[in-house]
Protein backbone atom coordinates (compact mmCIF):
# COMPACT_ATOMS: atom_id res chain seq x y z
CA MET A 1 -74.10 -2.01 -201.48
CA GLY A 2 -73.43 -4.80 -203.99
CA GLU A 3 -70.66 -4.93 -206.53
CA PHE A 4 -71.28 -3.89 -210.13
CA LYS A 5 -69.32 -3.14 -213.27
CA VAL A 6 -69.44 0.20 -215.07
CA HIS A 7 -69.07 0.21 -218.85
CA ARG A 8 -67.72 3.42 -220.31
CA VAL A 9 -69.43 3.72 -223.70
CA ARG A 10 -67.64 5.96 -226.17
CA PHE A 11 -68.97 4.59 -229.44
CA PHE A 12 -72.37 6.33 -229.50
CA GLY A 13 -71.71 8.97 -232.16
CA LEU A 14 -74.84 11.06 -231.71
CA VAL A 15 -74.86 14.51 -233.32
CA PRO A 16 -77.81 16.50 -231.89
CA ALA A 17 -79.79 18.68 -234.30
CA GLY A 18 -79.46 22.42 -233.84
CA VAL A 19 -82.25 24.78 -232.83
CA ARG A 20 -83.74 26.58 -235.84
CA CYS A 21 -86.63 28.64 -234.44
CA LEU A 22 -88.58 29.34 -231.24
CA ALA A 23 -92.11 30.53 -230.55
CA CYS A 24 -93.63 31.52 -227.19
CA GLN A 25 -97.35 30.99 -226.84
CA PRO A 26 -98.98 34.44 -226.49
CA ARG A 27 -100.44 34.82 -223.01
CA GLY A 28 -99.77 31.12 -222.54
CA ALA A 29 -97.32 28.86 -220.75
CA ARG A 30 -95.68 26.91 -223.55
CA LEU A 31 -92.64 27.25 -225.79
CA ALA A 32 -92.39 25.61 -229.22
CA LEU A 33 -88.98 24.73 -230.65
CA ALA A 34 -88.03 23.46 -234.10
CA ARG A 35 -84.74 21.79 -234.93
CA THR A 36 -82.75 21.58 -238.13
CA ASP A 37 -83.90 17.99 -238.75
CA GLY A 38 -87.57 19.06 -238.79
CA ALA A 39 -88.41 17.86 -235.28
CA VAL A 40 -90.70 20.05 -233.16
CA GLU A 41 -90.65 20.12 -229.35
CA VAL A 42 -93.01 21.77 -226.86
CA TYR A 43 -91.88 22.89 -223.40
CA ASN A 44 -94.16 23.85 -220.51
CA PHE A 45 -93.24 27.00 -218.56
CA ALA A 46 -95.55 26.15 -215.67
CA ALA A 47 -93.82 22.79 -215.12
CA ASN A 48 -90.24 24.13 -214.92
CA TYR A 49 -89.83 24.03 -218.71
CA TYR A 50 -90.62 20.33 -218.87
CA GLN A 51 -90.46 18.88 -222.40
CA GLU A 52 -94.01 17.62 -222.70
CA LYS A 53 -94.26 16.89 -226.45
CA VAL A 54 -91.92 15.83 -229.27
CA ILE A 55 -93.02 15.59 -232.91
CA PRO A 56 -90.40 13.62 -234.90
CA GLY A 57 -88.79 15.10 -237.98
CA HIS A 58 -89.29 14.28 -241.62
CA GLU A 59 -86.81 14.33 -244.50
CA GLY A 60 -89.20 16.25 -246.73
CA ARG A 61 -90.20 18.85 -244.12
CA SER A 62 -87.93 21.68 -242.97
CA VAL A 63 -89.15 24.21 -240.41
CA GLU A 64 -87.94 27.79 -240.89
CA SER A 65 -90.60 29.43 -238.75
CA LEU A 66 -93.06 28.52 -236.00
CA CYS A 67 -95.99 30.45 -234.58
CA TRP A 68 -98.99 29.93 -232.32
CA ALA A 69 -102.44 30.98 -233.55
CA ALA A 70 -106.04 30.75 -232.37
CA GLY A 71 -104.96 29.99 -228.82
CA ASP A 72 -103.17 26.65 -228.69
CA ARG A 73 -102.82 25.78 -232.39
CA LEU A 74 -99.23 25.45 -233.62
CA PHE A 75 -98.20 26.11 -237.23
CA GLY A 76 -94.88 25.68 -239.00
CA ALA A 77 -93.56 26.65 -242.43
CA GLY A 78 -90.35 25.94 -244.31
CA LEU A 79 -88.51 25.49 -247.56
CA SER A 80 -90.95 22.86 -248.79
CA GLY A 81 -93.40 25.72 -249.41
CA ASP A 82 -96.16 24.31 -247.17
CA ILE A 83 -97.86 25.68 -244.08
CA THR A 84 -98.19 22.76 -241.67
CA GLU A 85 -100.42 22.52 -238.63
CA TYR A 86 -99.24 20.14 -235.91
CA ASP A 87 -101.54 17.81 -234.03
CA LEU A 88 -100.33 18.17 -230.44
CA CYS A 89 -102.44 15.22 -229.29
CA ARG A 90 -101.29 12.67 -231.87
CA LEU A 91 -97.79 14.23 -232.12
CA SER A 92 -97.79 14.43 -235.89
CA ALA A 93 -98.17 16.86 -238.77
CA ALA A 94 -101.95 17.04 -239.11
CA ARG A 95 -102.44 18.90 -242.37
CA GLY A 96 -100.51 21.01 -244.85
CA THR A 97 -101.41 23.84 -247.23
CA ASP A 98 -99.34 25.01 -250.18
CA GLY A 99 -98.20 28.61 -249.71
CA GLY A 100 -98.13 29.24 -253.44
CA GLY A 101 -94.94 31.28 -253.45
CA GLY A 102 -92.14 28.73 -253.37
CA PRO A 103 -90.03 28.17 -250.24
CA ILE A 104 -91.35 29.96 -247.14
CA TRP A 105 -88.67 31.82 -245.18
CA SER A 106 -90.79 33.50 -242.52
CA MET A 107 -94.23 33.37 -240.93
CA ALA A 108 -96.00 35.44 -238.29
CA ALA A 109 -99.46 35.51 -236.72
CA ASN A 110 -101.42 38.66 -235.94
CA SER A 111 -102.20 39.61 -232.36
CA SER A 112 -105.65 38.02 -232.41
CA GLY A 113 -104.34 34.77 -233.92
CA THR A 114 -106.86 34.79 -236.76
CA GLN A 115 -104.45 35.44 -239.64
CA LEU A 116 -101.03 34.18 -240.73
CA ALA A 117 -98.63 36.14 -242.92
CA ILE A 118 -95.90 34.27 -244.81
CA GLY A 119 -92.82 35.59 -246.59
CA CYS A 120 -91.89 33.65 -249.72
CA GLU A 121 -88.96 33.08 -252.03
CA ASP A 122 -90.65 34.98 -254.89
CA GLY A 123 -90.81 38.20 -252.83
CA SER A 124 -94.50 37.99 -252.01
CA VAL A 125 -96.24 38.36 -248.66
CA LYS A 126 -99.42 36.30 -248.43
CA ILE A 127 -102.22 36.38 -245.89
CA PHE A 128 -103.93 33.16 -244.76
CA GLN A 129 -106.98 32.97 -242.55
CA VAL A 130 -106.98 30.49 -239.68
CA VAL A 131 -110.11 28.35 -239.98
CA PRO A 132 -111.30 25.29 -238.01
CA GLY A 133 -109.95 22.86 -240.64
CA GLY A 134 -106.53 24.50 -241.05
CA VAL A 135 -105.69 27.67 -242.99
CA GLN A 136 -107.32 29.23 -246.03
CA PHE A 137 -105.67 31.58 -248.52
CA GLU A 138 -107.06 35.11 -248.23
CA ARG A 139 -105.02 37.42 -250.49
CA ASN A 140 -101.63 38.57 -251.72
CA LEU A 141 -99.98 41.75 -250.51
CA ASP A 142 -97.63 43.93 -252.55
CA ARG A 143 -94.94 41.81 -254.19
CA ARG A 144 -91.38 43.08 -254.63
CA LYS A 145 -88.10 41.57 -255.79
CA GLY A 146 -86.12 39.52 -253.26
CA ARG A 147 -87.02 36.79 -250.79
CA VAL A 148 -88.81 37.87 -247.61
CA LEU A 149 -86.61 36.63 -244.76
CA CYS A 150 -88.52 38.01 -241.75
CA LEU A 151 -91.96 39.35 -240.88
CA SER A 152 -93.61 41.22 -238.02
CA TRP A 153 -97.18 42.40 -237.45
CA HIS A 154 -98.02 45.70 -235.82
CA PRO A 155 -99.88 45.05 -232.52
CA SER A 156 -102.95 46.75 -234.03
CA ASP A 157 -102.83 44.36 -237.04
CA THR A 158 -102.88 47.28 -239.49
CA HIS A 159 -99.35 46.98 -240.91
CA ILE A 160 -96.71 44.33 -241.57
CA ALA A 161 -92.95 44.90 -241.65
CA ALA A 162 -91.02 42.64 -244.06
CA GLY A 163 -87.24 42.33 -244.17
CA SER A 164 -85.22 41.33 -247.24
CA ILE A 165 -81.72 41.85 -248.59
CA ASP A 166 -80.58 45.50 -248.25
CA ILE A 167 -84.12 46.74 -247.51
CA PHE A 168 -87.17 46.43 -245.35
CA ARG A 169 -90.63 47.65 -246.17
CA VAL A 170 -93.85 48.37 -244.31
CA ILE A 171 -97.08 47.14 -245.91
CA ASP A 172 -100.58 48.41 -245.21
CA VAL A 173 -102.71 45.32 -244.64
CA ALA A 174 -106.01 46.91 -245.67
CA SER A 175 -104.81 48.17 -249.07
CA GLY A 176 -102.07 45.58 -249.57
CA GLN A 177 -99.65 48.28 -250.75
CA THR A 178 -96.15 49.17 -249.56
CA VAL A 179 -96.29 52.47 -247.67
CA GLN A 180 -92.59 52.71 -246.79
CA ARG A 181 -89.42 51.23 -248.25
CA VAL A 182 -86.12 51.78 -246.41
CA MET A 183 -82.56 50.94 -247.49
CA VAL A 184 -80.79 49.68 -244.38
CA ASN A 185 -77.25 50.44 -245.65
CA TYR A 186 -77.85 53.73 -247.46
CA HIS A 187 -75.56 55.68 -245.11
CA MET A 188 -72.60 53.29 -245.48
CA GLU A 189 -70.03 54.51 -247.98
CA LYS A 190 -68.51 52.25 -250.62
CA THR A 191 -70.21 49.13 -249.33
CA LYS A 192 -69.86 46.17 -251.66
CA SER A 193 -71.34 43.32 -249.66
CA GLU A 194 -75.10 43.01 -249.34
CA CYS A 195 -76.80 43.62 -246.02
CA VAL A 196 -79.23 40.87 -245.01
CA VAL A 197 -82.05 41.80 -242.65
CA TRP A 198 -82.28 38.59 -240.64
CA ALA A 199 -84.89 39.67 -238.07
CA ILE A 200 -87.43 42.46 -237.72
CA ALA A 201 -89.95 43.74 -235.16
CA LEU A 202 -92.65 46.39 -235.59
CA LEU A 203 -93.42 48.11 -232.28
CA SER A 204 -96.71 49.73 -231.28
CA ARG A 205 -95.25 53.25 -231.14
CA GLY A 206 -94.22 53.16 -234.80
CA THR A 207 -90.62 51.95 -234.46
CA VAL A 208 -89.15 49.22 -236.65
CA VAL A 209 -86.29 47.21 -235.11
CA THR A 210 -83.96 45.32 -237.47
CA ALA A 211 -81.07 42.91 -236.94
CA ASP A 212 -78.75 42.53 -239.92
CA SER A 213 -75.68 40.74 -241.25
CA TYR A 214 -73.42 43.66 -240.26
CA GLY A 215 -74.05 42.88 -236.60
CA ARG A 216 -76.27 45.92 -236.03
CA VAL A 217 -79.53 46.39 -234.20
CA GLN A 218 -81.19 49.49 -235.64
CA PHE A 219 -84.28 51.46 -234.68
CA TRP A 220 -86.19 53.19 -237.45
CA ASP A 221 -89.05 55.66 -237.64
CA TRP A 222 -90.99 53.87 -240.36
CA GLN A 223 -93.31 56.78 -241.16
CA GLN A 224 -90.39 59.11 -241.88
CA GLY A 225 -88.06 56.37 -243.07
CA THR A 226 -85.23 57.69 -240.87
CA LEU A 227 -82.76 55.97 -238.58
CA ALA A 228 -83.29 56.83 -234.90
CA GLU A 229 -80.67 54.64 -233.18
CA SER A 230 -78.05 52.09 -234.18
CA HIS A 231 -76.20 49.63 -231.94
CA THR A 232 -73.39 47.44 -233.28
CA VAL A 233 -73.61 44.39 -231.03
CA SER A 234 -71.26 42.06 -232.91
CA THR A 235 -68.45 42.00 -235.46
CA SER A 236 -70.43 39.36 -237.37
CA ALA A 237 -74.13 38.91 -238.10
CA ALA A 238 -77.04 39.55 -235.74
CA LEU A 239 -79.33 36.66 -236.64
CA SER A 240 -82.38 36.90 -234.40
CA LEU A 241 -84.28 39.20 -232.07
CA ALA A 242 -87.35 39.09 -229.84
CA VAL A 243 -89.24 41.83 -228.02
CA SER A 244 -90.93 41.63 -224.63
CA GLU A 245 -94.68 42.13 -224.32
CA ARG A 246 -94.18 45.56 -222.74
CA GLU A 247 -91.74 46.51 -225.53
CA ASP A 248 -89.11 47.70 -223.06
CA SER A 249 -86.62 44.86 -223.54
CA ILE A 250 -85.09 43.13 -226.58
CA VAL A 251 -82.95 40.00 -226.80
CA VAL A 252 -80.59 39.54 -229.77
CA GLY A 253 -78.76 36.43 -230.96
CA THR A 254 -75.55 36.58 -233.02
CA SER A 255 -73.44 34.27 -235.15
CA THR A 256 -70.65 34.31 -232.56
CA GLY A 257 -72.81 32.44 -230.06
CA ALA A 258 -73.36 35.49 -227.86
CA THR A 259 -76.73 36.93 -226.85
CA TYR A 260 -77.39 40.54 -225.90
CA GLN A 261 -80.16 42.36 -224.12
CA LEU A 262 -81.20 45.92 -224.92
CA GLN A 263 -83.38 47.77 -222.42
CA LEU A 264 -85.37 50.98 -222.81
CA LEU A 265 -84.18 53.12 -219.89
CA PRO A 266 -84.62 56.80 -218.90
CA VAL A 267 -81.79 59.11 -219.92
CA LYS A 268 -82.11 60.88 -216.56
CA LEU A 269 -83.43 59.48 -213.34
CA GLY A 270 -87.12 60.26 -213.20
CA GLY A 271 -87.12 61.80 -216.68
CA SER A 272 -89.53 61.03 -219.49
CA GLU A 273 -86.93 60.72 -222.26
CA LYS A 274 -85.78 57.15 -222.81
CA ARG A 275 -83.10 55.45 -224.91
CA TRP A 276 -82.13 51.88 -225.71
CA VAL A 277 -79.13 50.69 -223.69
CA ARG A 278 -77.17 47.52 -224.45
CA THR A 279 -76.17 45.20 -221.63
CA LYS A 280 -73.10 42.98 -221.50
CA PRO A 281 -73.02 39.88 -223.76
CA PHE A 282 -73.89 36.41 -222.49
CA GLN A 283 -71.79 33.67 -224.07
CA TYR A 284 -73.80 30.51 -223.54
CA HIS A 285 -73.52 29.06 -227.07
CA SER A 286 -70.60 27.92 -229.20
CA HIS A 287 -72.34 28.34 -232.58
CA ASP A 288 -74.89 30.57 -234.30
CA VAL A 289 -77.85 31.66 -232.17
CA ARG A 290 -80.53 31.26 -234.82
CA ALA A 291 -83.52 31.70 -232.50
CA VAL A 292 -84.41 33.78 -229.44
CA ALA A 293 -87.60 34.35 -227.46
CA HIS A 294 -88.60 36.76 -224.70
CA SER A 295 -90.94 35.45 -222.00
CA PRO A 296 -92.24 37.67 -219.17
CA THR A 297 -89.59 36.34 -216.80
CA ALA A 298 -86.71 35.02 -218.92
CA LEU A 299 -84.57 35.36 -222.05
CA ILE A 300 -84.57 32.19 -224.15
CA SER A 301 -82.02 31.32 -226.84
CA GLY A 302 -81.40 28.33 -229.09
CA GLY A 303 -78.27 27.70 -231.13
CA LEU A 304 -76.88 25.40 -233.78
CA ASP A 305 -74.94 23.73 -230.95
CA ALA A 306 -78.33 22.14 -230.09
CA GLN A 307 -78.52 23.89 -226.70
CA LEU A 308 -81.62 25.58 -225.35
CA VAL A 309 -80.67 28.19 -222.75
CA ILE A 310 -83.13 29.93 -220.42
CA ARG A 311 -81.71 32.90 -218.48
CA PRO A 312 -84.14 34.30 -215.87
CA LEU A 313 -84.62 38.05 -215.56
CA MET A 314 -83.77 38.54 -211.92
CA GLU A 315 -85.83 41.72 -211.62
CA LYS A 316 -88.91 39.73 -212.71
CA VAL A 317 -88.42 36.80 -210.32
CA GLN A 318 -90.52 37.26 -207.19
CA LYS A 319 -88.49 35.00 -204.90
CA LYS A 320 -85.31 33.00 -205.02
CA GLY A 321 -85.73 29.39 -206.05
CA TYR A 322 -85.80 27.22 -209.13
CA ASP A 323 -87.28 30.06 -211.19
CA ALA A 324 -84.08 32.07 -210.64
CA VAL A 325 -81.72 29.33 -211.89
CA LEU A 326 -80.05 29.39 -215.30
CA ARG A 327 -81.13 26.34 -217.30
CA LYS A 328 -79.27 24.63 -220.13
CA PHE A 329 -80.93 21.84 -222.08
CA ILE A 330 -78.00 20.05 -223.69
CA PHE A 331 -78.92 16.38 -223.97
CA PRO A 332 -82.07 14.93 -225.58
CA HIS A 333 -84.90 14.32 -223.12
CA ARG A 334 -85.99 11.15 -224.91
CA ARG A 335 -84.46 7.73 -224.37
CA LEU A 336 -82.10 7.02 -227.25
CA VAL A 337 -80.28 4.01 -225.75
CA SER A 338 -81.87 0.62 -225.06
CA CYS A 339 -80.12 -2.18 -223.19
CA ALA A 340 -80.50 -5.97 -223.45
CA ARG A 341 -78.97 -7.07 -220.15
CA LYS A 342 -79.00 -10.82 -220.74
CA ALA A 343 -77.42 -10.56 -224.17
CA ARG A 344 -75.07 -7.68 -223.19
CA LEU A 345 -76.30 -5.59 -226.14
CA LEU A 346 -76.87 -1.85 -226.58
CA LEU A 347 -79.21 -0.33 -229.16
CA PHE A 348 -78.49 3.26 -230.22
CA GLN A 349 -81.18 5.35 -231.90
CA PHE A 350 -80.41 7.96 -234.57
CA SER A 351 -82.84 9.95 -236.69
CA GLN A 352 -82.90 7.48 -239.60
CA HIS A 353 -81.02 4.39 -238.49
CA LEU A 354 -80.30 2.14 -235.50
CA GLU A 355 -77.01 0.64 -234.36
CA LEU A 356 -76.72 -2.56 -232.32
CA TRP A 357 -73.50 -3.13 -230.35
CA ARG A 358 -72.22 -5.93 -228.14
CA LEU A 359 -70.41 -4.76 -225.02
CA GLY A 360 -66.79 -5.59 -224.41
CA PHE A 361 -65.67 -8.15 -221.83
CA THR A 362 -62.86 -8.46 -219.33
CA LYS A 363 -61.55 -11.31 -217.18
CA GLU A 364 -59.57 -9.06 -214.87
CA SER A 365 -60.62 -7.83 -211.44
CA GLY A 366 -59.46 -4.77 -209.61
CA LYS A 367 -60.17 -2.15 -207.00
CA ASP A 368 -63.01 0.37 -207.01
CA GLY A 369 -62.58 2.97 -209.71
CA GLU A 370 -59.84 1.09 -211.54
CA VAL A 371 -60.01 0.80 -215.34
CA LEU A 372 -59.73 -2.82 -216.42
CA PRO A 373 -58.26 -4.00 -219.74
CA LEU A 374 -60.65 -5.68 -222.19
CA CYS A 375 -60.06 -9.14 -223.55
CA ARG A 376 -62.85 -8.62 -226.08
CA MET A 377 -63.52 -5.21 -227.61
CA PRO A 378 -67.05 -3.82 -228.24
CA GLU A 379 -68.47 -5.19 -231.46
CA HIS A 380 -70.73 -3.39 -233.94
CA LEU A 381 -73.27 -6.03 -234.95
CA VAL A 382 -75.97 -4.38 -237.07
CA GLN A 383 -76.89 -1.05 -238.63
CA LEU A 384 -80.59 -0.91 -239.48
CA LYS A 385 -81.78 1.91 -241.74
CA SER A 386 -85.38 3.06 -241.53
CA LYS A 387 -87.60 2.92 -244.58
CA GLY A 388 -89.23 6.12 -245.82
CA PRO A 389 -88.68 9.80 -245.03
CA GLU A 390 -90.09 9.74 -241.49
CA HIS A 391 -87.62 9.91 -238.63
CA ILE A 392 -87.52 7.28 -235.90
CA TYR A 393 -89.54 8.27 -232.85
CA CYS A 394 -88.71 5.45 -230.42
CA SER A 395 -86.95 2.07 -230.39
CA SER A 396 -86.16 -0.84 -228.12
CA VAL A 397 -84.41 -4.22 -227.96
CA SER A 398 -85.73 -7.20 -226.00
CA PRO A 399 -83.81 -8.39 -222.87
CA CYS A 400 -82.78 -11.57 -224.69
CA GLY A 401 -81.47 -9.56 -227.66
CA THR A 402 -83.41 -11.44 -230.33
CA TRP A 403 -86.17 -8.87 -230.97
CA LEU A 404 -85.69 -5.33 -232.15
CA GLY A 405 -88.42 -2.78 -232.85
CA TYR A 406 -88.79 0.87 -233.76
CA SER A 407 -91.62 3.23 -234.53
CA THR A 408 -92.14 6.32 -236.70
CA ALA A 409 -95.10 8.69 -236.59
CA SER A 410 -97.21 6.34 -238.71
CA ARG A 411 -95.71 2.83 -238.64
CA PHE A 412 -94.23 0.22 -236.29
CA HIS A 413 -91.45 -2.13 -237.44
CA LEU A 414 -90.43 -5.35 -235.67
CA TYR A 415 -87.35 -7.45 -236.51
CA ARG A 416 -86.06 -10.79 -235.28
CA MET A 417 -82.32 -11.24 -235.04
CA PRO A 418 -80.83 -14.74 -235.28
CA CYS A 419 -78.37 -15.86 -232.67
CA SER A 420 -75.46 -15.21 -235.02
CA GLY A 421 -76.30 -11.51 -234.99
CA ILE A 422 -75.43 -11.14 -238.68
CA SER A 423 -78.77 -10.39 -240.32
CA LEU A 424 -82.26 -9.26 -239.36
CA ARG A 425 -85.61 -10.68 -240.39
CA LYS A 426 -88.68 -8.47 -240.45
CA VAL A 427 -91.85 -9.96 -239.00
């Protein structure tokens, strides 16, 4: 084996964007993920959760919610107030439709994937129909005071549960009227702080599940408006929840970085009566777990620490192997560093700028594994800022170090750097 030098690079100050929301494709094999910088990623379950698509972010587009509709069509909505459909072939935002209610905090698709419901800043819930060219506004449902932070369709598509501050309500889709309105903190004495319903799920048997800022996961009988069960899973907020397809398992994400699983188990062995039982916490994240998803074989969580964690359900795994291994996606799957070997240059890619560095140099020699002193320190040559709101998708530097290029979703930029390395010229 030949001799080579190893450069320890500690001047790449990359700060990965956190995970904002997740969406599993119904009866499909893909997972969609949106980050805090507006980027959207698609992972393939069938290929060991391979990251098959990345749609770069945009300064004017935030993604608060993702959902799949009409099979393999992916939609996103955010604080810009638009519903955006993503072109998964061209890896770009294909078309956008104004929601008409200000910033959109939540979005959900019905079970057939033909309708989208959005929760807006003005307290309205709006229904959009999924059509071949995008989405088309259908009608407004009952509007109440307070932003709608979370939404959930009943599996029969007859009702929608909407969570807000201190309350949640159940809306009849056919009439558009609120049929039940429940105060989530009515039984708490002398409470002064507001209770935020961060996540909600409407089950087929008529149970509404809420996760709130008091760290509780509560089960409600929505027809009677009564509390059936309450589980305090955290001393801080419970931010997200997801229900399995069989509605016998729930995963919850909290602001402490811990995730919990609740399972519907028989009270007595062989008995018909069942209750929700909380399992031990799983501490895989260091920051808020803003998004969770429940696949048939795994619990999936994404946090503001930028990690995507997939924990297999061992009782669902048929045989031991890669499917039974805990996965953590920590580092970006795209190439963010480009090397010009002849010129001893490194190009670092960030979301909206590039940095070009010259490697340090040493005249010393030593034994294997020995750290050598530098006679010339690494030098920061150029910082190139991208033009426009689009984030940089890919970049590269030529082997000779005189050409530098980067691309966004719509444009390609090429620069020529003089030998002095002081300024760039666009060509």
